[in-house]
Amino acid sequence: MTVQYYETKEQLAEILKEIQIWEKDQKKVWFWEKIGQVPFLILDKLTPAFIHKKIGKALDELGHYVQSGGRYLIRKETILKRLQKNEQKIESVHDVSRLPLSVMTETAEEIIISRKTAAAFQGATTGFGGLFTLAIDVPAVLGLSLKILQEIALCYGYDPNEKEERIFIVKCLQLASADIVGKKAIMEELENYNSGKENLKTASRIQGWREVITSYRDNMGWKKLFQLVPIAGMIFGAYLNRSTVQDVAEAGLMLYKKRRVLDRLKHYEDNTI
């Protein structure tokens, strides 16, 4: 069956160039970002045992998510409904894969705005509540991050119910939180994923996922510094959680858009459309 897409080969190539500029920028790191990690070497030793247990539980839950989806899986129907533009009926993820890229991106960006607001509210709550509410912050932000990445995946026609997609989603989490060395390694893996040379089909390929939890722990560490000043903790907590979800969402948007662009360019090269 011949498939007709909305973008020309030239338009797709131009979109790909924009994404590649973003990827190049991700490989840069500022000196202050490295220095900013130093206080957490001390904060980690001062963190009460019950918070360490929460962090460990979040790490375990990330592993369960990869294997089965667990409690973090979302309902596809809500996103499919949002993708229906101009009375175009969308009944499956396969239908989404044929939509214009502009519709995919517009819907994803609308969702991102909503999720950033939710993240800011959640961060303000835990930042204001002190040490005990901080204990729930790591799994809460992790849940928000996984949810928005699944929603972005659906916006571009990829199904997070498939294990391979959940591994890709964890890779997006890694990219958003990794240092410059980690970003380069992850991007190389994702290049293989896109080329089909060695797809990320096993959980053994995501050993770097612990970096994700470390990143959330570090954000919590900053909030601990402000917990004695409730208003400051609330403001800083809202900012950090919002920026965390923003970084994750940006990575997901660019990486999933790139996959869809490459899929369509491959169709052109194979003369299937």
C-alpha atoms as a PDB file:
ATOM      1  CA  MET A   1       0.000   0.000   0.000  1.00  0.00           C
ATOM      2  CA  THR A   2       1.387   3.414  -1.004  1.00  0.00           C
ATOM      3  CA  VAL A   3       1.572   5.940   1.821  1.00  0.00           C
ATOM      4  CA  GLN A   4       1.477   9.674   1.095  1.00  0.00           C
ATOM      5  CA  TYR A   5       2.984  11.934   3.756  1.00  0.00           C
ATOM      6  CA  TYR A   6       2.379  15.647   4.170  1.00  0.00           C
ATOM      7  CA  GLU A   7       6.023  16.730   4.060  1.00  0.00           C
ATOM      8  CA  THR A   8       8.334  16.630   1.063  1.00  0.00           C
ATOM      9  CA  LYS A   9      11.772  15.050   1.252  1.00  0.00           C
ATOM     10  CA  GLU A  10      13.317  18.536   1.258  1.00  0.00           C
ATOM     11  CA  GLN A  11      11.115  19.700   4.147  1.00  0.00           C
ATOM     12  CA  LEU A  12      12.029  16.630   6.183  1.00  0.00           C
ATOM     13  CA  ALA A  13      15.732  17.207   5.534  1.00  0.00           C
ATOM     14  CA  GLU A  14      15.374  20.800   6.803  1.00  0.00           C
ATOM     15  CA  ILE A  15      13.636  19.648   9.993  1.00  0.00           C
ATOM     16  CA  LEU A  16      16.400  17.078  10.525  1.00  0.00           C
ATOM     17  CA  LYS A  17      19.036  19.826  10.275  1.00  0.00           C
ATOM     18  CA  GLU A  18      17.307  21.769  13.053  1.00  0.00           C
ATOM     19  CA  ILE A  19      17.285  18.691  15.275  1.00  0.00           C
ATOM     20  CA  GLN A  20      20.977  18.035  14.579  1.00  0.00           C
ATOM     21  CA  ILE A  21      21.814  21.591  15.692  1.00  0.00           C
ATOM     22  CA  TRP A  22      20.028  20.850  18.969  1.00  0.00           C
ATOM     23  CA  GLU A  23      21.955  17.576  19.351  1.00  0.00           C
ATOM     24  CA  LYS A  24      25.255  19.371  18.834  1.00  0.00           C
ATOM     25  CA  ASP A  25      24.323  21.887  21.512  1.00  0.00           C
ATOM     26  CA  GLN A  26      23.564  19.053  23.950  1.00  0.00           C
ATOM     27  CA  LYS A  27      27.188  17.931  23.796  1.00  0.00           C
ATOM     28  CA  LYS A  28      28.341  21.179  25.377  1.00  0.00           C
ATOM     29  CA  VAL A  29      28.611  21.644  29.137  1.00  0.00           C
ATOM     30  CA  TRP A  30      29.396  24.745  31.168  1.00  0.00           C
ATOM     31  CA  PHE A  31      32.040  24.743  33.910  1.00  0.00           C
ATOM     32  CA  TRP A  32      29.529  25.836  36.547  1.00  0.00           C
ATOM     33  CA  GLU A  33      27.447  22.734  35.876  1.00  0.00           C
ATOM     34  CA  LYS A  34      30.335  20.552  37.039  1.00  0.00           C
ATOM     35  CA  ILE A  35      31.069  22.728  40.059  1.00  0.00           C
ATOM     36  CA  GLY A  36      27.365  22.682  40.953  1.00  0.00           C
ATOM     37  CA  GLN A  37      27.562  18.952  41.722  1.00  0.00           C
ATOM     38  CA  VAL A  38      30.140  19.338  44.519  1.00  0.00           C
ATOM     39  CA  PRO A  39      27.738  20.172  47.403  1.00  0.00           C
ATOM     40  CA  PHE A  40      25.851  16.928  46.824  1.00  0.00           C
ATOM     41  CA  LEU A  41      28.840  14.809  47.832  1.00  0.00           C
ATOM     42  CA  ILE A  42      28.322  16.247  51.302  1.00  0.00           C
ATOM     43  CA  LEU A  43      24.530  16.382  51.177  1.00  0.00           C
ATOM     44  CA  ASP A  44      24.362  12.709  50.263  1.00  0.00           C
ATOM     45  CA  LYS A  45      26.089  11.774  53.528  1.00  0.00           C
ATOM     46  CA  LEU A  46      23.704  13.961  55.514  1.00  0.00           C
ATOM     47  CA  THR A  47      20.559  12.541  53.923  1.00  0.00           C
ATOM     48  CA  PRO A  48      18.482  10.490  56.391  1.00  0.00           C
ATOM     49  CA  ALA A  49      18.155   6.757  55.750  1.00  0.00           C
ATOM     50  CA  PHE A  50      14.427   6.921  54.950  1.00  0.00           C
ATOM     51  CA  ILE A  51      15.109   9.286  52.041  1.00  0.00           C
ATOM     52  CA  HIS A  52      17.821   6.968  50.718  1.00  0.00           C
ATOM     53  CA  LYS A  53      15.224   4.178  50.789  1.00  0.00           C
ATOM     54  CA  LYS A  54      12.843   6.327  48.750  1.00  0.00           C
ATOM     55  CA  ILE A  55      15.570   6.930  46.185  1.00  0.00           C
ATOM     56  CA  GLY A  56      16.335   3.214  46.046  1.00  0.00           C
ATOM     57  CA  LYS A  57      12.659   2.459  45.546  1.00  0.00           C
ATOM     58  CA  ALA A  58      12.495   4.938  42.660  1.00  0.00           C
ATOM     59  CA  LEU A  59      15.467   3.185  41.057  1.00  0.00           C
ATOM     60  CA  ASP A  60      13.701  -0.168  41.376  1.00  0.00           C
ATOM     61  CA  GLU A  61      10.495   1.288  39.914  1.00  0.00           C
ATOM     62  CA  LEU A  62      12.395   2.531  36.865  1.00  0.00           C
ATOM     63  CA  GLY A  63      13.549  -1.029  36.294  1.00  0.00           C
ATOM     64  CA  HIS A  64       9.990  -2.335  36.667  1.00  0.00           C
ATOM     65  CA  TYR A  65       8.800   0.290  34.196  1.00  0.00           C
ATOM     66  CA  VAL A  66      11.198  -0.986  31.552  1.00  0.00           C
ATOM     67  CA  GLN A  67      10.163  -4.595  32.107  1.00  0.00           C
ATOM     68  CA  SER A  68       6.397  -4.253  32.324  1.00  0.00           C
ATOM     69  CA  GLY A  69       5.343  -0.616  32.347  1.00  0.00           C
ATOM     70  CA  GLY A  70       4.020  -0.970  35.870  1.00  0.00           C
ATOM     71  CA  ARG A  71       1.961   1.818  37.356  1.00  0.00           C
ATOM     72  CA  TYR A  72       3.570   4.440  35.142  1.00  0.00           C
ATOM     73  CA  LEU A  73       1.882   3.360  31.896  1.00  0.00           C
ATOM     74  CA  ILE A  74      -0.637   5.900  30.598  1.00  0.00           C
ATOM     75  CA  ARG A  75      -3.928   5.589  28.740  1.00  0.00           C
ATOM     76  CA  LYS A  76      -3.467   6.029  25.003  1.00  0.00           C
ATOM     77  CA  GLU A  77      -7.057   7.095  24.317  1.00  0.00           C
ATOM     78  CA  THR A  78      -6.632  10.554  25.856  1.00  0.00           C
ATOM     79  CA  ILE A  79      -3.658  11.426  23.639  1.00  0.00           C
ATOM     80  CA  LEU A  80      -5.244   9.958  20.514  1.00  0.00           C
ATOM     81  CA  LYS A  81      -8.260  12.187  21.093  1.00  0.00           C
ATOM     82  CA  ARG A  82      -6.070  15.284  21.423  1.00  0.00           C
ATOM     83  CA  LEU A  83      -4.392  14.448  18.112  1.00  0.00           C
ATOM     84  CA  GLN A  84      -7.673  14.617  16.222  1.00  0.00           C
ATOM     85  CA  LYS A  85      -7.423  17.843  14.252  1.00  0.00           C
ATOM     86  CA  ASN A  86      -9.893  19.084  11.676  1.00  0.00           C
ATOM     87  CA  GLU A  87     -12.242  16.191  12.432  1.00  0.00           C
ATOM     88  CA  GLN A  88      -9.615  13.666  11.314  1.00  0.00           C
ATOM     89  CA  LYS A  89     -10.436  10.398  13.082  1.00  0.00           C
ATOM     90  CA  ILE A  90      -7.589   8.772  14.986  1.00  0.00           C
ATOM     91  CA  GLU A  91      -8.272   5.256  16.251  1.00  0.00           C
ATOM     92  CA  SER A  92      -4.801   3.800  16.751  1.00  0.00           C
ATOM     93  CA  VAL A  93      -1.126   4.634  17.176  1.00  0.00           C
ATOM     94  CA  HIS A  94      -0.646   3.519  13.571  1.00  0.00           C
ATOM     95  CA  ASP A  95      -3.072   6.260  12.454  1.00  0.00           C
ATOM     96  CA  VAL A  96      -0.963   8.806  14.329  1.00  0.00           C
ATOM     97  CA  SER A  97       2.175   7.815  12.405  1.00  0.00           C
ATOM     98  CA  ARG A  98       0.619   9.215   9.218  1.00  0.00           C
ATOM     99  CA  LEU A  99      -0.328  12.631  10.614  1.00  0.00           C
ATOM    100  CA  PRO A 100       1.507  15.809   9.541  1.00  0.00           C
ATOM    101  CA  LEU A 101       4.586  16.493  11.669  1.00  0.00           C
ATOM    102  CA  SER A 102       3.137  19.916  12.452  1.00  0.00           C
ATOM    103  CA  VAL A 103       0.120  18.302  14.134  1.00  0.00           C
ATOM    104  CA  MET A 104       2.319  15.900  16.092  1.00  0.00           C
ATOM    105  CA  THR A 105       4.588  18.689  17.331  1.00  0.00           C
ATOM    106  CA  GLU A 106       1.759  21.116  18.111  1.00  0.00           C
ATOM    107  CA  THR A 107      -0.019  18.516  20.243  1.00  0.00           C
ATOM    108  CA  ALA A 108       3.198  17.517  22.025  1.00  0.00           C
ATOM    109  CA  GLU A 109       4.010  21.154  22.840  1.00  0.00           C
ATOM    110  CA  GLU A 110       0.516  21.720  24.246  1.00  0.00           C
ATOM    111  CA  ILE A 111       0.980  18.732  26.547  1.00  0.00           C
ATOM    112  CA  ILE A 112       4.435  19.908  27.615  1.00  0.00           C
ATOM    113  CA  ILE A 113       3.068  23.282  28.763  1.00  0.00           C
ATOM    114  CA  SER A 114       0.459  21.524  30.880  1.00  0.00           C
ATOM    115  CA  ARG A 115       2.946  19.088  32.442  1.00  0.00           C
ATOM    116  CA  LYS A 116       5.454  21.836  33.290  1.00  0.00           C
ATOM    117  CA  THR A 117       2.736  23.625  35.244  1.00  0.00           C
ATOM    118  CA  ALA A 118       1.941  20.418  37.151  1.00  0.00           C
ATOM    119  CA  ALA A 119       5.642  19.900  37.893  1.00  0.00           C
ATOM    120  CA  ALA A 120       5.997  23.446  39.250  1.00  0.00           C
ATOM    121  CA  PHE A 121       3.008  22.958  41.559  1.00  0.00           C
ATOM    122  CA  GLN A 122       4.341  19.644  42.807  1.00  0.00           C
ATOM    123  CA  GLY A 123       7.809  21.130  43.372  1.00  0.00           C
ATOM    124  CA  ALA A 124       6.401  24.071  45.310  1.00  0.00           C
ATOM    125  CA  THR A 125       4.475  21.693  47.570  1.00  0.00           C
ATOM    126  CA  THR A 126       7.458  19.506  48.442  1.00  0.00           C
ATOM    127  CA  GLY A 127       9.804  22.481  48.705  1.00  0.00           C
ATOM    128  CA  PHE A 128       7.489  24.157  51.205  1.00  0.00           C
ATOM    129  CA  GLY A 129       6.789  21.053  53.282  1.00  0.00           C
ATOM    130  CA  GLY A 130      10.287  20.402  54.537  1.00  0.00           C
ATOM    131  CA  LEU A 131      12.255  17.198  54.891  1.00  0.00           C
ATOM    132  CA  PHE A 132       9.373  14.738  55.102  1.00  0.00           C
ATOM    133  CA  THR A 133       7.609  15.943  51.959  1.00  0.00           C
ATOM    134  CA  LEU A 134      10.941  15.984  50.126  1.00  0.00           C
ATOM    135  CA  ALA A 135      10.996  12.206  50.546  1.00  0.00           C
ATOM    136  CA  ILE A 136       8.171  11.874  48.021  1.00  0.00           C
ATOM    137  CA  ASP A 137       9.686  14.276  45.511  1.00  0.00           C
ATOM    138  CA  VAL A 138      11.957  11.859  43.632  1.00  0.00           C
ATOM    139  CA  PRO A 139       9.257   9.298  42.696  1.00  0.00           C
ATOM    140  CA  ALA A 140       6.798  12.127  41.978  1.00  0.00           C
ATOM    141  CA  VAL A 141       9.090  13.905  39.493  1.00  0.00           C
ATOM    142  CA  LEU A 142      10.133  10.571  38.011  1.00  0.00           C
ATOM    143  CA  GLY A 143       6.464   9.765  37.436  1.00  0.00           C
ATOM    144  CA  LEU A 144       5.845  13.122  35.750  1.00  0.00           C
ATOM    145  CA  SER A 145       8.900  12.645  33.535  1.00  0.00           C
ATOM    146  CA  LEU A 146       7.900   9.150  32.442  1.00  0.00           C
ATOM    147  CA  LYS A 147       4.341  10.292  31.790  1.00  0.00           C
ATOM    148  CA  ILE A 148       5.294  13.200  29.548  1.00  0.00           C
ATOM    149  CA  LEU A 149       7.754  11.082  27.562  1.00  0.00           C
ATOM    150  CA  GLN A 150       5.080   8.457  26.947  1.00  0.00           C
ATOM    151  CA  GLU A 151       2.698  11.179  25.808  1.00  0.00           C
ATOM    152  CA  ILE A 152       5.315  12.575  23.429  1.00  0.00           C
ATOM    153  CA  ALA A 153       5.973   9.071  22.094  1.00  0.00           C
ATOM    154  CA  LEU A 154       2.272   8.687  21.312  1.00  0.00           C
ATOM    155  CA  CYS A 155       2.182  12.120  19.665  1.00  0.00           C
ATOM    156  CA  TYR A 156       4.770  10.897  17.158  1.00  0.00           C
ATOM    157  CA  GLY A 157       3.121   7.521  16.601  1.00  0.00           C
ATOM    158  CA  TYR A 158       5.187   5.262  18.881  1.00  0.00           C
ATOM    159  CA  ASP A 159       3.552   2.973  21.440  1.00  0.00           C
ATOM    160  CA  PRO A 160       5.008   3.013  25.012  1.00  0.00           C
ATOM    161  CA  ASN A 161       3.214  -0.267  25.694  1.00  0.00           C
ATOM    162  CA  GLU A 162       6.044  -1.882  23.731  1.00  0.00           C
ATOM    163  CA  LYS A 163       9.133  -2.684  25.786  1.00  0.00           C
ATOM    164  CA  GLU A 164      11.457  -1.345  23.105  1.00  0.00           C
ATOM    165  CA  GLU A 165       9.773   2.062  23.397  1.00  0.00           C
ATOM    166  CA  ARG A 166      10.067   2.050  27.183  1.00  0.00           C
ATOM    167  CA  ILE A 167      13.813   1.500  26.832  1.00  0.00           C
ATOM    168  CA  PHE A 168      13.983   4.424  24.408  1.00  0.00           C
ATOM    169  CA  ILE A 169      12.047   6.545  26.919  1.00  0.00           C
ATOM    170  CA  VAL A 170      14.570   5.754  29.665  1.00  0.00           C
ATOM    171  CA  LYS A 171      17.301   6.755  27.207  1.00  0.00           C
ATOM    172  CA  CYS A 172      15.550  10.125  26.838  1.00  0.00           C
ATOM    173  CA  LEU A 173      15.605  10.459  30.643  1.00  0.00           C
ATOM    174  CA  GLN A 174      19.312   9.646  30.649  1.00  0.00           C
ATOM    175  CA  LEU A 175      20.108  12.188  27.960  1.00  0.00           C
ATOM    176  CA  ALA A 176      18.305  14.951  29.846  1.00  0.00           C
ATOM    177  CA  SER A 177      20.262  14.292  33.051  1.00  0.00           C
ATOM    178  CA  ALA A 178      23.678  13.072  31.830  1.00  0.00           C
ATOM    179  CA  ASP A 179      26.965  14.962  31.784  1.00  0.00           C
ATOM    180  CA  ILE A 180      28.755  15.743  28.512  1.00  0.00           C
ATOM    181  CA  VAL A 181      30.461  12.314  28.308  1.00  0.00           C
ATOM    182  CA  GLY A 182      27.194  10.545  29.016  1.00  0.00           C
ATOM    183  CA  LYS A 183      25.308  12.602  26.427  1.00  0.00           C
ATOM    184  CA  LYS A 184      27.764  11.645  23.687  1.00  0.00           C
ATOM    185  CA  ALA A 185      27.521   7.947  24.553  1.00  0.00           C
ATOM    186  CA  ILE A 186      23.725   8.016  24.668  1.00  0.00           C
ATOM    187  CA  MET A 187      23.475   9.829  21.342  1.00  0.00           C
ATOM    188  CA  GLU A 188      25.724   7.221  19.742  1.00  0.00           C
ATOM    189  CA  GLU A 189      23.426   4.473  21.031  1.00  0.00           C
ATOM    190  CA  LEU A 190      20.397   6.309  19.701  1.00  0.00           C
ATOM    191  CA  GLU A 191      22.069   6.675  16.311  1.00  0.00           C
ATOM    192  CA  ASN A 192      22.349   2.886  16.213  1.00  0.00           C
ATOM    193  CA  TYR A 193      18.721   2.687  17.265  1.00  0.00           C
ATOM    194  CA  ASN A 194      17.626   4.908  14.384  1.00  0.00           C
ATOM    195  CA  SER A 195      19.810   3.099  11.864  1.00  0.00           C
ATOM    196  CA  GLY A 196      18.561  -0.312  12.954  1.00  0.00           C
ATOM    197  CA  LYS A 197      22.111  -1.624  13.405  1.00  0.00           C
ATOM    198  CA  GLU A 198      21.709  -2.589  17.035  1.00  0.00           C
ATOM    199  CA  ASN A 199      18.381  -1.604  18.506  1.00  0.00           C
ATOM    200  CA  LEU A 200      18.029  -1.209  22.251  1.00  0.00           C
ATOM    201  CA  LYS A 201      15.951  -4.318  22.825  1.00  0.00           C
ATOM    202  CA  THR A 202      17.320  -5.499  26.156  1.00  0.00           C
ATOM    203  CA  ALA A 203      17.379  -3.890  29.583  1.00  0.00           C
ATOM    204  CA  SER A 204      21.108  -4.637  29.763  1.00  0.00           C
ATOM    205  CA  ARG A 205      21.650  -1.659  27.424  1.00  0.00           C
ATOM    206  CA  ILE A 206      20.399   0.871  29.984  1.00  0.00           C
ATOM    207  CA  GLN A 207      22.876   0.464  32.822  1.00  0.00           C
ATOM    208  CA  GLY A 208      23.299   4.247  32.894  1.00  0.00           C
ATOM    209  CA  TRP A 209      19.741   4.699  34.148  1.00  0.00           C
ATOM    210  CA  ARG A 210      21.114   5.242  37.668  1.00  0.00           C
ATOM    211  CA  GLU A 211      22.268   8.656  36.448  1.00  0.00           C
ATOM    212  CA  VAL A 212      18.597   9.583  36.153  1.00  0.00           C
ATOM    213  CA  ILE A 213      17.910   8.914  39.835  1.00  0.00           C
ATOM    214  CA  THR A 214      21.112  10.700  40.825  1.00  0.00           C
ATOM    215  CA  SER A 215      19.924  13.777  38.952  1.00  0.00           C
ATOM    216  CA  TYR A 216      16.593  13.808  40.811  1.00  0.00           C
ATOM    217  CA  ARG A 217      18.412  13.281  44.103  1.00  0.00           C
ATOM    218  CA  ASP A 218      20.658  16.265  43.374  1.00  0.00           C
ATOM    219  CA  ASN A 219      17.636  18.479  42.709  1.00  0.00           C
ATOM    220  CA  MET A 220      16.252  17.357  46.043  1.00  0.00           C
ATOM    221  CA  GLY A 221      19.572  18.280  47.626  1.00  0.00           C
ATOM    222  CA  TRP A 222      19.187  21.877  46.496  1.00  0.00           C
ATOM    223  CA  LYS A 223      15.733  21.998  48.080  1.00  0.00           C
ATOM    224  CA  LYS A 224      17.210  20.704  51.350  1.00  0.00           C
ATOM    225  CA  LEU A 225      19.487  23.742  51.402  1.00  0.00           C
ATOM    226  CA  PHE A 226      16.397  25.983  51.431  1.00  0.00           C
ATOM    227  CA  GLN A 227      14.111  23.927  53.671  1.00  0.00           C
ATOM    228  CA  LEU A 228      14.646  26.219  56.665  1.00  0.00           C
ATOM    229  CA  VAL A 229      13.246  29.114  54.632  1.00  0.00           C
ATOM    230  CA  PRO A 230       9.784  27.886  53.530  1.00  0.00           C
ATOM    231  CA  ILE A 231       9.060  30.537  50.911  1.00  0.00           C
ATOM    232  CA  ALA A 232      12.493  30.133  49.302  1.00  0.00           C
ATOM    233  CA  GLY A 233      12.058  26.350  49.340  1.00  0.00           C
ATOM    234  CA  MET A 234       8.690  26.646  47.665  1.00  0.00           C
ATOM    235  CA  ILE A 235       9.953  28.944  44.898  1.00  0.00           C
ATOM    236  CA  PHE A 236      13.131  26.978  44.301  1.00  0.00           C
ATOM    237  CA  GLY A 237      11.257  23.676  44.357  1.00  0.00           C
ATOM    238  CA  ALA A 238       8.788  24.913  41.751  1.00  0.00           C
ATOM    239  CA  TYR A 239      11.611  26.158  39.531  1.00  0.00           C
ATOM    240  CA  LEU A 240      13.714  22.985  39.769  1.00  0.00           C
ATOM    241  CA  ASN A 241      10.883  20.562  39.088  1.00  0.00           C
ATOM    242  CA  ARG A 242       9.601  22.661  36.216  1.00  0.00           C
ATOM    243  CA  SER A 243      13.070  22.874  34.663  1.00  0.00           C
ATOM    244  CA  THR A 244      13.622  19.135  35.158  1.00  0.00           C
ATOM    245  CA  VAL A 245      10.420  18.275  33.296  1.00  0.00           C
ATOM    246  CA  GLN A 246      11.249  20.922  30.659  1.00  0.00           C
ATOM    247  CA  ASP A 247      14.641  19.309  29.967  1.00  0.00           C
ATOM    248  CA  VAL A 248      13.129  15.829  29.799  1.00  0.00           C
ATOM    249  CA  ALA A 249      10.307  16.992  27.519  1.00  0.00           C
ATOM    250  CA  GLU A 250      12.697  18.820  25.182  1.00  0.00           C
ATOM    251  CA  ALA A 251      14.862  15.714  24.836  1.00  0.00           C
ATOM    252  CA  GLY A 252      11.812  13.553  24.182  1.00  0.00           C
ATOM    253  CA  LEU A 253      10.363  15.995  21.644  1.00  0.00           C
ATOM    254  CA  MET A 254      13.576  16.245  19.635  1.00  0.00           C
ATOM    255  CA  LEU A 255      14.446  12.549  19.725  1.00  0.00           C
ATOM    256  CA  TYR A 256      10.980  11.330  18.808  1.00  0.00           C
ATOM    257  CA  LYS A 257      10.626  13.955  16.092  1.00  0.00           C
ATOM    258  CA  LYS A 258      13.979  12.838  14.686  1.00  0.00           C
ATOM    259  CA  ARG A 259      12.839   9.214  14.605  1.00  0.00           C
ATOM    260  CA  ARG A 260       9.675  10.129  12.735  1.00  0.00           C
ATOM    261  CA  VAL A 261      11.612  12.287  10.252  1.00  0.00           C
ATOM    262  CA  LEU A 262      14.139   9.502   9.629  1.00  0.00           C
ATOM    263  CA  ASP A 263      11.340   6.962   9.180  1.00  0.00           C
ATOM    264  CA  ARG A 264       9.750   9.153   6.515  1.00  0.00           C
ATOM    265  CA  LEU A 265      13.030   9.899   4.764  1.00  0.00           C
ATOM    266  CA  LYS A 266      13.677   6.156   4.609  1.00  0.00           C
ATOM    267  CA  HIS A 267      10.348   5.700   2.849  1.00  0.00           C
ATOM    268  CA  TYR A 268      11.433   8.248   0.256  1.00  0.00           C
ATOM    269  CA  GLU A 269      14.789   6.523  -0.211  1.00  0.00           C
ATOM    270  CA  ASP A 270      13.106   3.132  -0.573  1.00  0.00           C
ATOM    271  CA  ASN A 271      10.709   4.596  -3.152  1.00  0.00           C
ATOM    272  CA  THR A 272       7.715   3.326  -1.204  1.00  0.00           C
ATOM    273  CA  ILE A 273       5.709   6.487  -1.513  1.00  0.00           C
END
